[in-house]
């Protein structure tokens, strides 16, 4: 006997409503994902935003060909002594200096251990006497001094403990009859300590050793091609560093703030990238200039040029670590400024060849026209 089934309007209505809700939720999820991946509306590229609307979510984006890296704050027992001779430097900016500039650079570098006291004076004696006998000698030597310091700071991120604004070039003259002799010194003015704020002489060696241990730990874990190494080290900084909104931290501009405290401004990001890439032997230089964000705001900024496949490419680790509101850091955001050429990068990055308001002109590597692919 056939059993008859009564039609239930209520059940049919619930079924229709359920199907509609599922479609709305699914469609909304697809729209949100596409929107976040293709639009930069909520990305704050500015490196000096006054407030953070949401704390950055750390996203470990795994490369199927590599293992994710982590910056480990090692215990003292893990830290091995490091000699300054082991610190790598490519001398890219050193090679552009005048002979006097190179002499100043080399002398400062050779005396960095002495300068950890914060009041050590470097004595050049009469080495610049011939230069100072000329009409423009003093002006020329001052330019060379500032250029030498700029080159040293750019070539070697480990020179993080000296505040150059507290370091002075002193020229003393002694005249006997018609003959004048010049003695030159570099040191503190009126015995004022020239170490950066927040560090003591006793701490510097410990900081250096910890930084070297961290770098050795990261370097030991990177693997594969130079491209993979560039990407892995880029990722570990993007994923584990925070931009310093306060701009007031003692180490906000240097590699200690980046690799130990993990909170820095753009200079700290760029110096940390160079410092780690020096450890794996990939040429990398710091580039100073201005950046203009999507709001049309332009400000002082620092990024890197790296050498890959016989060409130089730009990397801006800071802007690849944007502040994201109402979402997460997508892959397109994370690599927006990774291995870029002139055509794309120079639209909002403008290099400055004259550093520290000095008249000495530095030349940066010739950037590839196109992005790396």
Protein backbone atom coordinates (compact mmCIF):
# COMPACT_ATOMS: atom_id res chain seq x y z
CA UNK A 1 0.00 0.00 0.00
CA UNK A 2 1.46 3.45 -0.93
CA UNK A 3 2.04 5.71 2.02
CA UNK A 4 1.12 9.32 1.31
CA UNK A 5 3.47 12.17 2.43
CA UNK A 6 1.96 15.44 3.55
CA UNK A 7 3.64 18.59 2.23
CA UNK A 8 5.18 20.74 5.00
CA UNK A 9 5.47 24.40 4.03
CA UNK A 10 7.44 25.18 7.22
CA UNK A 11 10.14 22.61 6.45
CA UNK A 12 10.42 23.84 2.89
CA UNK A 13 10.81 27.44 4.11
CA UNK A 14 13.59 26.49 6.56
CA UNK A 15 15.45 24.64 3.83
CA UNK A 16 15.35 27.63 1.49
CA UNK A 17 16.53 30.00 4.24
CA UNK A 18 19.43 27.68 5.12
CA UNK A 19 20.59 27.47 1.51
CA UNK A 20 20.47 31.26 1.13
CA UNK A 21 22.50 31.82 4.30
CA UNK A 22 25.17 29.34 3.20
CA UNK A 23 25.47 31.11 -0.17
CA UNK A 24 25.75 34.54 1.47
CA UNK A 25 28.46 33.43 3.91
CA UNK A 26 30.45 31.60 1.24
CA UNK A 27 30.17 34.45 -1.24
CA UNK A 28 31.12 37.00 1.39
CA UNK A 29 34.22 35.03 2.34
CA UNK A 30 35.35 34.89 -1.31
CA UNK A 31 34.73 38.64 -1.76
CA UNK A 32 36.67 39.49 1.41
CA UNK A 33 39.64 37.37 0.42
CA UNK A 34 39.83 38.86 -3.10
CA UNK A 35 39.41 42.39 -1.75
CA UNK A 36 42.18 42.00 0.84
CA UNK A 37 44.52 40.43 -1.69
CA UNK A 38 44.05 43.10 -4.38
CA UNK A 39 43.51 46.34 -2.48
CA UNK A 40 45.75 48.39 -0.29
CA UNK A 41 43.08 50.62 1.19
CA UNK A 42 43.72 49.51 4.75
CA UNK A 43 47.48 49.25 4.48
CA UNK A 44 49.32 51.98 6.35
CA UNK A 45 52.63 52.21 4.47
CA UNK A 46 53.72 55.29 6.40
CA UNK A 47 56.61 54.58 8.73
CA UNK A 48 55.49 57.18 11.26
CA UNK A 49 51.79 56.46 11.92
CA UNK A 50 50.76 58.11 15.20
CA UNK A 51 48.71 55.22 16.49
CA UNK A 52 48.26 51.54 15.81
CA UNK A 53 44.61 50.56 15.43
CA UNK A 54 45.36 46.90 15.81
CA UNK A 55 48.46 45.06 16.90
CA UNK A 56 50.14 43.33 14.00
CA UNK A 57 49.30 39.68 13.67
CA UNK A 58 52.39 37.55 13.22
CA UNK A 59 51.82 35.36 10.20
CA UNK A 60 54.25 32.56 9.46
CA UNK A 61 53.96 32.24 5.69
CA UNK A 62 55.68 28.98 4.89
CA UNK A 63 57.75 28.53 1.77
CA UNK A 64 57.27 24.91 0.65
CA UNK A 65 60.95 24.77 -0.28
CA UNK A 66 62.30 26.11 3.01
CA UNK A 67 61.89 25.90 6.76
CA UNK A 68 60.54 28.94 8.68
CA UNK A 69 63.20 30.83 10.62
CA UNK A 70 63.02 32.40 14.05
CA UNK A 71 65.18 35.01 15.75
CA UNK A 72 66.21 33.33 18.96
CA UNK A 73 67.14 35.37 22.01
CA UNK A 74 69.89 33.06 23.15
CA UNK A 75 70.92 32.47 26.73
CA UNK A 76 74.34 33.68 27.87
CA UNK A 77 75.63 30.11 27.89
CA UNK A 78 74.93 29.92 24.13
CA UNK A 79 76.89 33.05 23.31
CA UNK A 80 80.43 32.54 22.06
CA UNK A 81 83.04 35.33 22.02
CA UNK A 82 83.30 37.23 18.74
CA UNK A 83 86.32 39.08 17.40
CA UNK A 84 85.77 42.26 15.44
CA UNK A 85 87.89 40.83 12.64
CA UNK A 86 85.13 38.27 12.08
CA UNK A 87 82.52 40.94 11.39
CA UNK A 88 81.97 41.10 7.64
CA UNK A 89 81.86 44.37 5.74
CA UNK A 90 81.80 44.84 1.99
CA UNK A 91 83.36 48.35 2.02
CA UNK A 92 81.07 49.51 -0.79
CA UNK A 93 80.95 53.10 0.46
CA UNK A 94 84.55 53.08 1.71
CA UNK A 95 85.75 52.59 -1.86
CA UNK A 96 84.15 55.91 -2.87
CA UNK A 97 86.00 58.04 -0.32
CA UNK A 98 88.95 60.35 -0.96
CA UNK A 99 92.36 59.32 0.33
CA UNK A 100 91.83 61.45 3.43
CA UNK A 101 88.37 59.94 3.91
CA UNK A 102 89.78 56.41 3.67
CA UNK A 103 92.47 57.25 6.22
CA UNK A 104 89.85 58.56 8.66
CA UNK A 105 87.57 55.54 8.03
CA UNK A 106 90.40 53.03 8.58
CA UNK A 107 91.65 54.77 11.70
CA UNK A 108 88.20 54.90 13.30
CA UNK A 109 87.55 51.26 12.41
CA UNK A 110 90.87 50.18 13.91
CA UNK A 111 90.08 52.06 17.11
CA UNK A 112 86.48 50.94 17.64
CA UNK A 113 87.44 48.79 20.60
CA UNK A 114 89.13 51.79 22.22
CA UNK A 115 86.09 53.94 21.46
CA UNK A 116 83.87 51.68 23.57
CA UNK A 117 84.97 53.81 26.51
CA UNK A 118 82.97 56.69 25.07
CA UNK A 119 85.73 59.22 25.68
CA UNK A 120 88.73 57.88 23.75
CA UNK A 121 90.44 60.43 21.49
CA UNK A 122 91.95 59.39 18.15
CA UNK A 123 95.09 61.37 17.37
CA UNK A 124 96.08 61.80 13.71
CA UNK A 125 99.00 64.08 14.45
CA UNK A 126 100.13 65.99 11.37
CA UNK A 127 98.89 63.48 8.76
CA UNK A 128 96.56 66.08 7.22
CA UNK A 129 99.06 68.93 7.35
CA UNK A 130 99.41 69.22 3.55
CA UNK A 131 95.65 69.42 3.08
CA UNK A 132 95.25 72.03 5.81
CA UNK A 133 97.89 74.26 4.26
CA UNK A 134 95.50 74.97 1.37
CA UNK A 135 92.83 77.67 1.39
CA UNK A 136 89.94 75.19 1.50
CA UNK A 137 91.79 72.63 3.61
CA UNK A 138 89.66 72.85 6.76
CA UNK A 139 86.40 72.70 4.83
CA UNK A 140 87.66 69.77 2.77
CA UNK A 141 88.77 67.82 5.85
CA UNK A 142 85.43 68.36 7.60
CA UNK A 143 83.63 67.01 4.52
CA UNK A 144 85.94 63.98 4.45
CA UNK A 145 85.39 63.34 8.16
CA UNK A 146 81.60 63.30 7.83
CA UNK A 147 81.76 61.20 4.64
CA UNK A 148 84.09 58.70 6.34
CA UNK A 149 81.71 58.29 9.25
CA UNK A 150 78.69 57.94 6.93
CA UNK A 151 80.51 55.27 4.91
CA UNK A 152 81.57 53.37 8.04
CA UNK A 153 78.04 53.37 9.44
CA UNK A 154 76.58 52.21 6.11
CA UNK A 155 79.18 49.49 5.49
CA UNK A 156 79.16 48.04 8.99
CA UNK A 157 75.87 47.83 10.98
CA UNK A 158 77.88 46.58 14.00
CA UNK A 159 78.99 50.17 14.61
CA UNK A 160 75.84 50.84 16.60
CA UNK A 161 77.11 52.15 19.92
CA UNK A 162 78.52 55.56 18.92
CA UNK A 163 76.45 58.73 18.60
CA UNK A 164 78.31 60.66 15.89
CA UNK A 165 76.58 63.91 16.89
CA UNK A 166 78.68 63.76 20.08
CA UNK A 167 81.92 63.11 18.19
CA UNK A 168 84.03 66.08 17.14
CA UNK A 169 86.84 66.80 14.72
CA UNK A 170 89.39 69.14 16.31
CA UNK A 171 92.07 70.97 14.33
CA UNK A 172 94.84 72.62 16.32
CA UNK A 173 97.44 74.88 14.73
CA UNK A 174 100.90 75.85 15.91
CA UNK A 175 102.67 78.73 14.18
CA UNK A 176 106.39 79.39 14.45
CA UNK A 177 107.49 82.29 12.34
CA UNK A 178 105.94 81.82 8.91
CA UNK A 179 105.39 78.08 9.34
CA UNK A 180 102.10 76.60 10.61
CA UNK A 181 101.67 73.00 11.67
CA UNK A 182 98.27 71.33 12.14
CA UNK A 183 97.39 68.53 14.54
CA UNK A 184 94.06 66.72 14.17
CA UNK A 185 92.00 64.82 16.75
CA UNK A 186 88.66 63.01 16.80
CA UNK A 187 87.00 62.63 20.17
CA UNK A 188 84.50 63.99 22.66
CA UNK A 189 83.94 67.66 23.27
CA UNK A 190 84.78 68.62 26.85
CA UNK A 191 84.94 64.91 27.81
CA UNK A 192 81.23 64.33 27.09
CA UNK A 193 80.58 60.60 26.58
CA UNK A 194 79.80 59.89 22.92
CA UNK A 195 78.10 56.50 23.36
CA UNK A 196 74.45 56.32 22.37
CA UNK A 197 71.91 56.75 25.13
CA UNK A 198 71.03 53.63 27.07
CA UNK A 199 74.30 51.74 26.74
CA UNK A 200 77.39 51.46 28.93
CA UNK A 201 80.94 50.49 28.09
CA UNK A 202 80.54 47.22 29.99
CA UNK A 203 77.49 46.25 27.93
CA UNK A 204 78.92 46.75 24.44
CA UNK A 205 80.92 43.49 24.20
CA UNK A 206 77.97 41.54 25.58
CA UNK A 207 75.64 43.13 23.02
CA UNK A 208 78.07 42.37 20.18
CA UNK A 209 78.40 38.74 21.23
CA UNK A 210 74.65 38.31 21.47
CA UNK A 211 74.11 39.84 18.03
CA UNK A 212 76.74 37.61 16.49
CA UNK A 213 75.23 34.53 18.13
CA UNK A 214 71.80 35.46 16.75
CA UNK A 215 73.23 35.98 13.28
CA UNK A 216 75.12 32.69 13.39
CA UNK A 217 71.92 30.95 14.43
CA UNK A 218 69.93 32.43 11.54
CA UNK A 219 72.70 31.85 9.01
CA UNK A 220 72.97 28.19 10.04
CA UNK A 221 69.30 27.66 9.20
CA UNK A 222 68.98 29.37 5.81
CA UNK A 223 69.29 27.06 2.85
CA UNK A 224 68.99 26.81 -0.89
CA UNK A 225 69.74 29.40 -3.57
CA UNK A 226 70.62 33.03 -2.99
CA UNK A 227 67.01 33.87 -3.85
CA UNK A 228 65.77 31.54 -1.11
CA UNK A 229 68.21 33.03 1.38
CA UNK A 230 67.12 36.57 0.53
CA UNK A 231 63.49 35.55 0.93
CA UNK A 232 63.96 33.59 4.17
CA UNK A 233 65.84 36.39 5.89
CA UNK A 234 63.33 38.95 4.59
CA UNK A 235 60.51 36.84 6.01
CA UNK A 236 62.01 36.36 9.46
CA UNK A 237 62.31 40.14 9.87
CA UNK A 238 58.81 40.84 8.55
CA UNK A 239 57.27 38.20 10.77
CA UNK A 240 59.10 38.97 14.01
CA UNK A 241 59.82 42.71 14.06
CA UNK A 242 57.47 45.54 15.05
CA UNK A 243 57.67 49.13 13.86
CA UNK A 244 58.49 51.49 16.73
CA UNK A 245 55.54 53.90 16.84
CA UNK A 246 57.04 55.84 19.75
CA UNK A 247 60.27 56.74 17.92
CA UNK A 248 61.84 57.11 21.37
CA UNK A 249 63.52 53.78 22.10
CA UNK A 250 67.28 53.94 22.67
CA UNK A 251 68.03 51.25 20.07
CA UNK A 252 65.26 52.08 17.59
CA UNK A 253 67.77 52.82 14.78
CA UNK A 254 70.15 49.89 15.13
CA UNK A 255 70.52 46.13 14.86
CA UNK A 256 70.32 45.54 18.60
CA UNK A 257 66.85 47.06 18.61
CA UNK A 258 65.95 44.87 15.63
CA UNK A 259 67.39 41.47 16.50
CA UNK A 260 67.16 41.55 20.31
CA UNK A 261 64.38 44.01 21.23
CA UNK A 262 62.57 43.47 17.88
CA UNK A 263 61.10 46.98 17.79
CA UNK A 264 62.72 49.53 15.46
CA UNK A 265 62.15 52.13 12.76
CA UNK A 266 63.07 51.67 9.09
CA UNK A 267 66.80 52.13 9.72
CA UNK A 268 66.77 49.21 12.15
CA UNK A 269 64.94 46.97 9.64
CA UNK A 270 67.37 47.83 6.83
CA UNK A 271 70.52 47.46 8.96
CA UNK A 272 69.34 44.10 10.29
CA UNK A 273 68.72 42.86 6.74
CA UNK A 274 72.22 43.89 5.68
CA UNK A 275 73.79 42.44 8.82
CA UNK A 276 72.19 39.03 8.26
CA UNK A 277 72.89 39.01 4.52
CA UNK A 278 76.55 39.85 5.21
CA UNK A 279 76.58 36.61 7.18
CA UNK A 280 75.52 34.53 4.16
CA UNK A 281 77.78 36.41 1.73
CA UNK A 282 75.10 38.14 -0.36
CA UNK A 283 76.06 41.73 -1.28
CA UNK A 284 73.68 44.24 0.28
CA UNK A 285 73.88 48.00 0.77
CA UNK A 286 71.84 50.53 2.71
CA UNK A 287 70.10 53.26 0.72
CA UNK A 288 68.98 56.51 2.31
CA UNK A 289 66.35 58.80 0.85
CA UNK A 290 62.66 59.59 0.98
CA UNK A 291 59.56 57.45 0.60
CA UNK A 292 56.09 58.57 -0.45
CA UNK A 293 53.23 56.39 0.78
CA UNK A 294 49.80 55.80 -0.76
CA UNK A 295 48.45 58.88 1.06
CA UNK A 296 50.96 61.10 -0.70
CA UNK A 297 52.98 61.67 2.49
CA UNK A 298 56.75 61.88 1.98
CA UNK A 299 59.33 61.38 4.72
CA UNK A 300 62.89 60.25 5.41
CA UNK A 301 63.33 56.54 4.79
CA UNK A 302 65.99 53.80 4.48
CA UNK A 303 65.90 50.55 2.50
CA UNK A 304 68.29 48.07 0.81
CA UNK A 305 69.71 47.14 -2.56
CA UNK A 306 70.73 43.47 -2.92
CA UNK A 307 72.76 41.68 -5.58
CA UNK A 308 71.17 38.66 -7.28
CA UNK A 309 71.88 37.12 -10.67
CA UNK A 310 74.41 39.82 -11.64
CA UNK A 311 71.89 42.61 -11.02
CA UNK A 312 70.92 44.86 -8.15
CA UNK A 313 67.34 44.85 -6.85
CA UNK A 314 65.58 46.94 -4.20
CA UNK A 315 64.08 45.51 -1.01
CA UNK A 316 62.09 47.55 1.51
CA UNK A 317 61.61 45.25 4.50
CA UNK A 318 59.86 47.98 6.51
CA UNK A 319 57.13 48.56 3.95
CA UNK A 320 56.72 44.81 3.48
CA UNK A 321 55.73 44.78 7.16
CA UNK A 322 52.78 47.21 7.03
CA UNK A 323 50.23 47.96 9.71
CA UNK A 324 47.08 46.16 8.60
CA UNK A 325 43.68 47.22 9.89
CA UNK A 326 40.79 44.80 9.95
CA UNK A 327 42.66 41.88 8.40
CA UNK A 328 45.86 39.89 8.09
CA UNK A 329 49.08 40.33 6.14
CA UNK A 330 48.52 38.74 2.72
CA UNK A 331 51.23 37.41 0.42
CA UNK A 332 50.80 40.27 -2.05
CA UNK A 333 51.34 42.81 0.75
CA UNK A 334 54.31 40.94 2.20
CA UNK A 335 56.33 40.95 -1.04
CA UNK A 336 55.18 44.24 -2.54
CA UNK A 337 58.67 45.73 -2.18
CA UNK A 338 60.79 42.60 -2.48
CA UNK A 339 63.38 42.39 -5.30
CA UNK A 340 62.02 45.33 -7.27
CA UNK A 341 63.52 47.25 -10.18
CA UNK A 342 63.53 50.92 -11.12
CA UNK A 343 60.25 50.93 -13.01
CA UNK A 344 58.18 49.95 -9.99
CA UNK A 345 60.31 50.86 -6.97
CA UNK A 346 61.34 54.36 -7.96
CA UNK A 347 57.74 55.50 -8.23
CA UNK A 348 57.68 56.11 -4.47
CA UNK A 349 61.30 55.70 -3.32
CA UNK A 350 63.79 58.50 -3.99
CA UNK A 351 67.44 57.90 -3.09
CA UNK A 352 69.52 60.72 -1.61
CA UNK A 353 73.18 60.73 -2.62
CA UNK A 354 74.12 63.45 -0.12
CA UNK A 355 74.05 62.02 3.40
CA UNK A 356 74.04 63.93 6.69
CA UNK A 357 73.54 67.19 4.76
CA UNK A 358 77.13 66.78 3.63
CA UNK A 359 78.44 67.95 0.27
CA UNK A 360 80.10 64.58 -0.44
CA UNK A 361 78.16 62.65 -3.08
CA UNK A 362 77.82 58.88 -2.70
CA UNK A 363 76.84 56.70 -5.65
CA UNK A 364 74.46 53.76 -5.15
CA UNK A 365 74.50 50.59 -7.26
CA UNK A 366 72.75 50.80 -10.62
CA UNK A 367 69.34 49.25 -9.97
CA UNK A 368 67.84 46.75 -12.42
CA UNK A 369 65.18 48.31 -14.65
CA UNK A 370 62.70 45.48 -14.12
CA UNK A 371 61.60 43.47 -11.08
CA UNK A 372 63.19 40.09 -10.43
CA UNK A 373 61.23 37.17 -11.86
